[in-house]
Amino acid sequence: MKKVLIAPSLMSADFASLKDTFDELKKAGCDYVHLDVMDGAFVPNITFGQMVVRNVARFATLPLDAHLMIEEPGRYVADFALPGVRIICVHVEACRHLDRVVQQIAEAGKVPGVALNPATPVSSIEWVLDRVGFVLVMSVNPGFGGQEFIGYSVGKIEAVRRMLDARGLKDVILGVDGGVNERVAPQVVNAGADFLVTGSYLFNVRGGPAEAVKRIRRAIGKTRAGGRT
């Protein structure tokens, strides 16, 4: 069975104690840490950039996926291709030459990922699907944490899963980002997601990340044996 991976969004963490946070997330059973890089142009918010990611990568005890919600991400691939960063994910909507950027990421030795905003059709990734290792379906409009899950994202995840299965791309990770909690997790896993980004929920649950991970794993354990074949 393909394990469902859980990736806390660092945007929701306490930046005053990040090293301790990483230790806590690892003990909680998380698989990745998700880095929401926002520039205030592609999305209406600013989080952090290359310098913060570089410092985080020095003490990260879990693999990182860098989600570049920025304009012209191809200009900055080399800046985020750091030790500890395993996936670099760019938005279809931000790339004038998507195939070129995907190639840049692969040449930098990282797993290329593509992200789709809620209203972006899945057909936009059809021609690069064989070149990526990660697809991220946004289930909220990117920019801010704590938003409600957009219901039609379930159908979108199903559509991407069908595309992957039709091409035999079993190793491509299919992620979902936005509004994921113990109630939403079973829906998206049933739809085909195997990488769950969760931020506000995971850090705000009483009992902390360990309790949140436990609840999510318990919930998805009741769906299709908790994973995909």
C-alpha atoms as a PDB file:
ATOM      1  CA  MET A   1       0.000   0.000   0.000  1.00  0.00           C
ATOM      2  CA  LYS A   2       1.129   3.539  -0.707  1.00  0.00           C
ATOM      3  CA  LYS A   3       1.402   5.429   2.561  1.00  0.00           C
ATOM      4  CA  VAL A   4      -0.545   8.654   2.960  1.00  0.00           C
ATOM      5  CA  LEU A   5       1.970  11.352   3.843  1.00  0.00           C
ATOM      6  CA  ILE A   6       1.233  14.201   6.267  1.00  0.00           C
ATOM      7  CA  ALA A   7       2.988  17.545   5.781  1.00  0.00           C
ATOM      8  CA  PRO A   8       2.427  20.349   8.312  1.00  0.00           C
ATOM      9  CA  SER A   9       2.551  23.845   6.868  1.00  0.00           C
ATOM     10  CA  LEU A  10       5.280  25.814   8.605  1.00  0.00           C
ATOM     11  CA  MET A  11       3.293  29.001   7.999  1.00  0.00           C
ATOM     12  CA  SER A  12       1.103  28.072  10.976  1.00  0.00           C
ATOM     13  CA  ALA A  13       3.998  27.307  13.336  1.00  0.00           C
ATOM     14  CA  ASP A  14       5.603  29.471  16.004  1.00  0.00           C
ATOM     15  CA  PHE A  15       8.687  30.919  14.320  1.00  0.00           C
ATOM     16  CA  ALA A  16      10.254  31.730  17.682  1.00  0.00           C
ATOM     17  CA  SER A  17      10.965  28.039  18.296  1.00  0.00           C
ATOM     18  CA  LEU A  18      11.261  26.381  14.896  1.00  0.00           C
ATOM     19  CA  LYS A  19      13.952  23.887  15.860  1.00  0.00           C
ATOM     20  CA  ASP A  20      11.813  22.595  18.714  1.00  0.00           C
ATOM     21  CA  THR A  21       8.831  22.528  16.340  1.00  0.00           C
ATOM     22  CA  PHE A  22      10.674  20.251  13.914  1.00  0.00           C
ATOM     23  CA  ASP A  23      11.519  17.848  16.727  1.00  0.00           C
ATOM     24  CA  GLU A  24       7.875  17.866  17.819  1.00  0.00           C
ATOM     25  CA  LEU A  25       6.619  17.230  14.278  1.00  0.00           C
ATOM     26  CA  LYS A  26       8.992  14.334  13.781  1.00  0.00           C
ATOM     27  CA  LYS A  27       7.918  12.741  17.062  1.00  0.00           C
ATOM     28  CA  ALA A  28       4.280  13.265  16.035  1.00  0.00           C
ATOM     29  CA  GLY A  29       4.817  11.076  12.979  1.00  0.00           C
ATOM     30  CA  CYS A  30       4.776  13.730  10.253  1.00  0.00           C
ATOM     31  CA  ASP A  31       6.479  12.858   6.978  1.00  0.00           C
ATOM     32  CA  TYR A  32       7.380  16.225   5.416  1.00  0.00           C
ATOM     33  CA  VAL A  33       7.323  19.888   6.351  1.00  0.00           C
ATOM     34  CA  HIS A  34       5.589  22.156   3.852  1.00  0.00           C
ATOM     35  CA  LEU A  35       7.127  25.578   3.205  1.00  0.00           C
ATOM     36  CA  ASP A  36       4.662  28.182   1.939  1.00  0.00           C
ATOM     37  CA  VAL A  37       6.811  30.763   0.162  1.00  0.00           C
ATOM     38  CA  MET A  38       4.649  33.803  -0.712  1.00  0.00           C
ATOM     39  CA  ASP A  39       5.760  37.011  -2.379  1.00  0.00           C
ATOM     40  CA  GLY A  40       2.763  39.324  -1.966  1.00  0.00           C
ATOM     41  CA  ALA A  41       2.396  39.495  -5.756  1.00  0.00           C
ATOM     42  CA  PHE A  42       1.245  36.075  -6.932  1.00  0.00           C
ATOM     43  CA  VAL A  43      -0.776  35.770  -3.728  1.00  0.00           C
ATOM     44  CA  PRO A  44      -2.032  38.564  -1.418  1.00  0.00           C
ATOM     45  CA  ASN A  45       0.299  37.736   1.432  1.00  0.00           C
ATOM     46  CA  ILE A  46       4.021  37.661   2.259  1.00  0.00           C
ATOM     47  CA  THR A  47       5.491  34.872   4.362  1.00  0.00           C
ATOM     48  CA  PHE A  48       9.202  34.151   3.951  1.00  0.00           C
ATOM     49  CA  GLY A  49      11.816  33.718   1.247  1.00  0.00           C
ATOM     50  CA  GLN A  50      15.153  32.156   0.411  1.00  0.00           C
ATOM     51  CA  MET A  51      17.021  33.252   3.543  1.00  0.00           C
ATOM     52  CA  VAL A  52      14.492  31.725   5.921  1.00  0.00           C
ATOM     53  CA  VAL A  53      14.319  28.491   3.927  1.00  0.00           C
ATOM     54  CA  ARG A  54      18.122  28.306   3.888  1.00  0.00           C
ATOM     55  CA  ASN A  55      18.248  28.637   7.676  1.00  0.00           C
ATOM     56  CA  VAL A  56      15.407  26.161   8.205  1.00  0.00           C
ATOM     57  CA  ALA A  57      17.099  23.623   5.944  1.00  0.00           C
ATOM     58  CA  ARG A  58      20.150  23.621   8.223  1.00  0.00           C
ATOM     59  CA  PHE A  59      18.328  22.024  11.132  1.00  0.00           C
ATOM     60  CA  ALA A  60      15.359  20.343   9.448  1.00  0.00           C
ATOM     61  CA  THR A  61      14.876  16.807  10.716  1.00  0.00           C
ATOM     62  CA  LEU A  62      12.178  16.037   8.132  1.00  0.00           C
ATOM     63  CA  PRO A  63      12.312  16.415   4.335  1.00  0.00           C
ATOM     64  CA  LEU A  64      11.028  19.749   3.064  1.00  0.00           C
ATOM     65  CA  ASP A  65       8.762  20.602   0.186  1.00  0.00           C
ATOM     66  CA  ALA A  66       9.071  24.179  -0.997  1.00  0.00           C
ATOM     67  CA  HIS A  67       5.790  25.493  -2.384  1.00  0.00           C
ATOM     68  CA  LEU A  68       6.684  28.585  -4.386  1.00  0.00           C
ATOM     69  CA  MET A  69       3.654  30.843  -4.544  1.00  0.00           C
ATOM     70  CA  ILE A  70       5.636  33.524  -6.329  1.00  0.00           C
ATOM     71  CA  GLU A  71       5.818  35.252  -9.688  1.00  0.00           C
ATOM     72  CA  GLU A  72       8.363  33.886 -12.190  1.00  0.00           C
ATOM     73  CA  PRO A  73       9.509  31.005  -9.968  1.00  0.00           C
ATOM     74  CA  GLY A  74      11.994  29.846 -12.583  1.00  0.00           C
ATOM     75  CA  ARG A  75      14.243  32.753 -11.601  1.00  0.00           C
ATOM     76  CA  TYR A  76      14.599  31.368  -8.071  1.00  0.00           C
ATOM     77  CA  VAL A  77      14.812  27.587  -8.447  1.00  0.00           C
ATOM     78  CA  ALA A  78      18.535  27.547  -7.647  1.00  0.00           C
ATOM     79  CA  ASP A  79      17.921  29.559  -4.463  1.00  0.00           C
ATOM     80  CA  PHE A  80      15.548  26.929  -3.095  1.00  0.00           C
ATOM     81  CA  ALA A  81      17.442  23.841  -4.304  1.00  0.00           C
ATOM     82  CA  LEU A  82      18.985  23.396  -0.861  1.00  0.00           C
ATOM     83  CA  PRO A  83      20.034  20.315   1.099  1.00  0.00           C
ATOM     84  CA  GLY A  84      16.950  19.121   2.946  1.00  0.00           C
ATOM     85  CA  VAL A  85      14.547  20.393   0.294  1.00  0.00           C
ATOM     86  CA  ARG A  86      13.255  17.358  -1.577  1.00  0.00           C
ATOM     87  CA  ILE A  87      10.370  18.832  -3.605  1.00  0.00           C
ATOM     88  CA  ILE A  88      10.126  22.207  -5.311  1.00  0.00           C
ATOM     89  CA  CYS A  89       6.570  22.945  -6.381  1.00  0.00           C
ATOM     90  CA  VAL A  90       5.592  25.811  -8.687  1.00  0.00           C
ATOM     91  CA  HIS A  91       2.219  27.093  -9.802  1.00  0.00           C
ATOM     92  CA  VAL A  92       0.988  26.521 -13.335  1.00  0.00           C
ATOM     93  CA  GLU A  93      -0.522  30.005 -13.235  1.00  0.00           C
ATOM     94  CA  ALA A  94       2.833  31.660 -12.402  1.00  0.00           C
ATOM     95  CA  CYS A  95       4.903  29.974 -15.120  1.00  0.00           C
ATOM     96  CA  ARG A  96       4.987  31.390 -18.612  1.00  0.00           C
ATOM     97  CA  HIS A  97       7.123  28.418 -19.672  1.00  0.00           C
ATOM     98  CA  LEU A  98       6.070  25.618 -17.346  1.00  0.00           C
ATOM     99  CA  ASP A  99       8.003  22.846 -19.078  1.00  0.00           C
ATOM    100  CA  ARG A 100      11.228  24.840 -18.790  1.00  0.00           C
ATOM    101  CA  VAL A 101      10.750  25.458 -15.069  1.00  0.00           C
ATOM    102  CA  VAL A 102       9.972  21.788 -14.434  1.00  0.00           C
ATOM    103  CA  GLN A 103      13.184  20.912 -16.250  1.00  0.00           C
ATOM    104  CA  GLN A 104      15.142  23.433 -14.151  1.00  0.00           C
ATOM    105  CA  ILE A 105      13.920  21.803 -10.945  1.00  0.00           C
ATOM    106  CA  ALA A 106      14.869  18.327 -12.155  1.00  0.00           C
ATOM    107  CA  GLU A 107      18.313  19.529 -13.233  1.00  0.00           C
ATOM    108  CA  ALA A 108      18.787  21.009  -9.753  1.00  0.00           C
ATOM    109  CA  GLY A 109      18.343  17.500  -8.353  1.00  0.00           C
ATOM    110  CA  LYS A 110      14.930  18.076  -6.798  1.00  0.00           C
ATOM    111  CA  VAL A 111      11.524  16.495  -7.385  1.00  0.00           C
ATOM    112  CA  PRO A 112       9.566  18.799  -9.712  1.00  0.00           C
ATOM    113  CA  GLY A 113       6.064  19.643  -8.534  1.00  0.00           C
ATOM    114  CA  VAL A 114       3.194  21.565 -10.079  1.00  0.00           C
ATOM    115  CA  ALA A 115       0.347  23.205  -8.157  1.00  0.00           C
ATOM    116  CA  LEU A 116      -3.124  24.087  -9.392  1.00  0.00           C
ATOM    117  CA  ASN A 117      -5.273  26.873  -7.967  1.00  0.00           C
ATOM    118  CA  PRO A 118      -8.933  25.981  -7.329  1.00  0.00           C
ATOM    119  CA  ALA A 119     -10.283  27.359 -10.600  1.00  0.00           C
ATOM    120  CA  THR A 120      -7.406  26.119 -12.794  1.00  0.00           C
ATOM    121  CA  PRO A 121      -8.381  23.127 -14.967  1.00  0.00           C
ATOM    122  CA  VAL A 122      -6.445  19.879 -14.609  1.00  0.00           C
ATOM    123  CA  SER A 123      -5.870  19.909 -18.374  1.00  0.00           C
ATOM    124  CA  SER A 124      -3.223  22.604 -17.793  1.00  0.00           C
ATOM    125  CA  ILE A 125      -0.768  19.975 -16.539  1.00  0.00           C
ATOM    126  CA  GLU A 126      -1.513  17.307 -19.160  1.00  0.00           C
ATOM    127  CA  TRP A 127       1.658  17.857 -21.177  1.00  0.00           C
ATOM    128  CA  VAL A 128       4.085  17.956 -18.237  1.00  0.00           C
ATOM    129  CA  LEU A 129       2.579  15.138 -16.205  1.00  0.00           C
ATOM    130  CA  ASP A 130       5.235  12.664 -17.342  1.00  0.00           C
ATOM    131  CA  ARG A 131       7.969  15.080 -16.182  1.00  0.00           C
ATOM    132  CA  VAL A 132       6.860  15.761 -12.603  1.00  0.00           C
ATOM    133  CA  GLY A 133       6.975  13.786  -9.385  1.00  0.00           C
ATOM    134  CA  PHE A 134       4.406  15.775  -7.440  1.00  0.00           C
ATOM    135  CA  VAL A 135       1.043  17.389  -8.184  1.00  0.00           C
ATOM    136  CA  LEU A 136      -0.584  19.668  -5.609  1.00  0.00           C
ATOM    137  CA  VAL A 137      -4.288  20.475  -5.807  1.00  0.00           C
ATOM    138  CA  MET A 138      -5.098  23.675  -3.939  1.00  0.00           C
ATOM    139  CA  SER A 139      -8.350  23.238  -2.031  1.00  0.00           C
ATOM    140  CA  VAL A 140      -8.411  26.886  -0.911  1.00  0.00           C
ATOM    141  CA  ASN A 141      -7.422  30.056  -2.712  1.00  0.00           C
ATOM    142  CA  PRO A 142      -3.754  30.435  -1.779  1.00  0.00           C
ATOM    143  CA  GLY A 143      -2.498  33.212   0.435  1.00  0.00           C
ATOM    144  CA  PHE A 144      -3.833  32.650   3.940  1.00  0.00           C
ATOM    145  CA  GLY A 145      -4.146  29.824   6.448  1.00  0.00           C
ATOM    146  CA  GLY A 146      -7.307  28.842   8.270  1.00  0.00           C
ATOM    147  CA  GLN A 147      -9.603  28.796   5.224  1.00  0.00           C
ATOM    148  CA  GLU A 148     -12.481  26.391   4.639  1.00  0.00           C
ATOM    149  CA  PHE A 149     -11.973  23.469   2.275  1.00  0.00           C
ATOM    150  CA  ILE A 150     -13.519  24.045  -1.179  1.00  0.00           C
ATOM    151  CA  GLY A 151     -15.821  21.105  -1.794  1.00  0.00           C
ATOM    152  CA  TYR A 152     -15.349  20.746  -5.544  1.00  0.00           C
ATOM    153  CA  SER A 153     -11.676  20.034  -4.928  1.00  0.00           C
ATOM    154  CA  VAL A 154     -12.650  16.411  -4.329  1.00  0.00           C
ATOM    155  CA  GLY A 155     -13.721  16.027  -7.957  1.00  0.00           C
ATOM    156  CA  LYS A 156     -10.534  17.729  -9.083  1.00  0.00           C
ATOM    157  CA  ILE A 157      -8.376  15.323  -7.090  1.00  0.00           C
ATOM    158  CA  GLU A 158     -10.288  12.441  -8.666  1.00  0.00           C
ATOM    159  CA  ALA A 159      -9.627  13.867 -12.124  1.00  0.00           C
ATOM    160  CA  VAL A 160      -5.875  14.152 -11.520  1.00  0.00           C
ATOM    161  CA  ARG A 161      -5.793  10.635 -10.078  1.00  0.00           C
ATOM    162  CA  ARG A 162      -7.482   9.297 -13.216  1.00  0.00           C
ATOM    163  CA  MET A 163      -4.883  11.049 -15.369  1.00  0.00           C
ATOM    164  CA  LEU A 164      -2.030   9.564 -13.347  1.00  0.00           C
ATOM    165  CA  ASP A 165      -3.515   6.071 -13.319  1.00  0.00           C
ATOM    166  CA  ALA A 166      -4.236   6.166 -17.051  1.00  0.00           C
ATOM    167  CA  ARG A 167      -0.529   6.809 -17.706  1.00  0.00           C
ATOM    168  CA  GLY A 168       0.711   4.347 -15.122  1.00  0.00           C
ATOM    169  CA  LEU A 169       2.390   7.112 -13.113  1.00  0.00           C
ATOM    170  CA  LYS A 170       2.201   5.335  -9.772  1.00  0.00           C
ATOM    171  CA  ASP A 171       5.225   7.090  -8.308  1.00  0.00           C
ATOM    172  CA  VAL A 172       3.845  10.616  -8.734  1.00  0.00           C
ATOM    173  CA  ILE A 173       2.666  11.988  -5.393  1.00  0.00           C
ATOM    174  CA  LEU A 174      -0.767  13.619  -5.440  1.00  0.00           C
ATOM    175  CA  GLY A 175      -1.179  16.254  -2.752  1.00  0.00           C
ATOM    176  CA  VAL A 176      -3.943  18.473  -1.459  1.00  0.00           C
ATOM    177  CA  ASP A 177      -3.412  21.766   0.345  1.00  0.00           C
ATOM    178  CA  GLY A 178      -6.012  23.822   2.187  1.00  0.00           C
ATOM    179  CA  GLY A 179      -8.592  23.210   4.885  1.00  0.00           C
ATOM    180  CA  VAL A 180      -7.440  19.637   5.565  1.00  0.00           C
ATOM    181  CA  ASN A 181      -8.538  18.236   8.917  1.00  0.00           C
ATOM    182  CA  GLU A 182      -9.787  14.920  10.295  1.00  0.00           C
ATOM    183  CA  ARG A 183     -13.158  15.421   8.577  1.00  0.00           C
ATOM    184  CA  VAL A 184     -11.752  16.372   5.168  1.00  0.00           C
ATOM    185  CA  ALA A 185      -8.867  13.885   5.129  1.00  0.00           C
ATOM    186  CA  PRO A 186     -10.983  10.772   4.404  1.00  0.00           C
ATOM    187  CA  GLN A 187     -12.723  12.529   1.498  1.00  0.00           C
ATOM    188  CA  VAL A 188      -9.508  13.523  -0.237  1.00  0.00           C
ATOM    189  CA  VAL A 189      -7.797  10.194   0.385  1.00  0.00           C
ATOM    190  CA  ASN A 190     -10.796   8.390  -1.111  1.00  0.00           C
ATOM    191  CA  ALA A 191     -10.502  10.737  -4.090  1.00  0.00           C
ATOM    192  CA  GLY A 192      -6.871   9.718  -4.603  1.00  0.00           C
ATOM    193  CA  ALA A 193      -4.689  12.088  -2.576  1.00  0.00           C
ATOM    194  CA  ASP A 194      -1.676  10.604  -0.828  1.00  0.00           C
ATOM    195  CA  PHE A 195      -0.038  13.786   0.527  1.00  0.00           C
ATOM    196  CA  LEU A 196      -1.973  15.971   2.958  1.00  0.00           C
ATOM    197  CA  VAL A 197      -0.827  19.508   3.751  1.00  0.00           C
ATOM    198  CA  THR A 198      -2.368  20.718   6.990  1.00  0.00           C
ATOM    199  CA  GLY A 199      -1.577  23.908   8.865  1.00  0.00           C
ATOM    200  CA  SER A 200      -4.000  25.648  11.190  1.00  0.00           C
ATOM    201  CA  TYR A 201      -5.729  22.410  12.154  1.00  0.00           C
ATOM    202  CA  LEU A 202      -2.548  20.560  13.061  1.00  0.00           C
ATOM    203  CA  PHE A 203      -1.056  23.318  15.184  1.00  0.00           C
ATOM    204  CA  ASN A 204      -4.294  24.375  16.900  1.00  0.00           C
ATOM    205  CA  VAL A 205      -5.768  21.044  17.957  1.00  0.00           C
ATOM    206  CA  ARG A 206      -5.779  20.523  21.701  1.00  0.00           C
ATOM    207  CA  GLY A 207      -2.972  18.076  22.317  1.00  0.00           C
ATOM    208  CA  GLY A 208      -0.821  19.551  19.576  1.00  0.00           C
ATOM    209  CA  PRO A 209       0.559  17.982  16.378  1.00  0.00           C
ATOM    210  CA  ALA A 210       0.770  14.477  17.857  1.00  0.00           C
ATOM    211  CA  GLU A 211      -2.956  14.456  18.590  1.00  0.00           C
ATOM    212  CA  ALA A 212      -3.786  15.977  15.200  1.00  0.00           C
ATOM    213  CA  VAL A 213      -1.740  13.361  13.323  1.00  0.00           C
ATOM    214  CA  LYS A 214      -3.332  10.608  15.381  1.00  0.00           C
ATOM    215  CA  ARG A 215      -6.817  11.857  14.512  1.00  0.00           C
ATOM    216  CA  ILE A 216      -6.042  12.188  10.805  1.00  0.00           C
ATOM    217  CA  ARG A 217      -4.471   8.732  10.590  1.00  0.00           C
ATOM    218  CA  ARG A 218      -7.400   7.228  12.474  1.00  0.00           C
ATOM    219  CA  ALA A 219      -9.845   8.886  10.072  1.00  0.00           C
ATOM    220  CA  ILE A 220      -8.067   7.863   6.872  1.00  0.00           C
ATOM    221  CA  GLY A 221      -7.464   4.376   8.244  1.00  0.00           C
ATOM    222  CA  LYS A 222     -11.163   3.743   7.706  1.00  0.00           C
ATOM    223  CA  THR A 223     -10.968   4.658   3.998  1.00  0.00           C
ATOM    224  CA  ARG A 224      -9.806   2.126   1.432  1.00  0.00           C
ATOM    225  CA  ALA A 225      -7.366   0.633   3.941  1.00  0.00           C
ATOM    226  CA  GLY A 226      -5.881   4.090   4.509  1.00  0.00           C
ATOM    227  CA  GLY A 227      -4.005   4.295   1.241  1.00  0.00           C
ATOM    228  CA  ARG A 228      -3.861   3.426  -2.440  1.00  0.00           C
ATOM    229  CA  THR A 229      -2.462   0.374  -4.141  1.00  0.00           C
END
